[in-house]
Amino acid sequence: MDIEMANKLGEALQAKVLFVRFKWPELTADLLADKFDIAMGGIGRNVERGKIFAYTSSYMTFGTCPLVRQGAETRFPDFSSINRPGVKVILNQGGMNDRHFTPLLTQATLLRHNKNEEIAGKVKEGTADVWITDNVEALFWAKQIPGLIAVNPSKTFTVGTKGYMIRQGDQIFLNWINLWLEQMFLQGEVQKLEEQWLGMVMK
């Protein structure tokens, strides 16, 4: 979804879009080092990064939920059912969810992986029982990989907002992106992409 949004942003700017891969632990350093102009890969807005970077207005409210193999959704309906001895929980190494849930998962066995695109496969193959991740990501992978399911994606463990992130100091560009985002919502473009990639329109 963010890739399509980036391409639409490029069209509106009449600019060529170049995609740069990053790893969550390196996001701050990479943006500060000018390795890319804007971070659009499912970026949660938080006050700590907000001290360093400029965020656009929110384009999505999200939260965290479990991604599990189909058939296990009744076994893991809530956080207390996950935080138990013998339950293998995988987290995206270095991300916000790693920092948030590591001190809370006092009973479960914790696993970490630093490549987001591989974690759903770890659940499918049984290396992990549960991936606690954004409901957006859980819905996406449940659509992409048969046999996986997002558990209660509308009843999340946490709540936050997503936005795009740029370096501080360019208020004119930030204002323009916010106007563009508003127009994308008014035209129904964001909602179409949510339905296409996630199977539901987010709030």
Foldseek 3Di string as FASTA:
>chain_A
DLVVVQVVVCVVVVHDDDDDDDWQQCVVVCQVVCVDFKDRDFAFDDVVVVVWWPWAPFLFKWFKFKKFFPPCLVQPQDDVSQLAAPAEEEEQPNHPCCVPCVVVSPHYHYHYDGDPVCVSVCRVVPVHGIYIDILQSSLQVCVVDPRMHTHPRVDHPDMTTTTMIGGPDCVVVSVVVNVVSVVCVVVCNQQVVCCVRRVHGGD
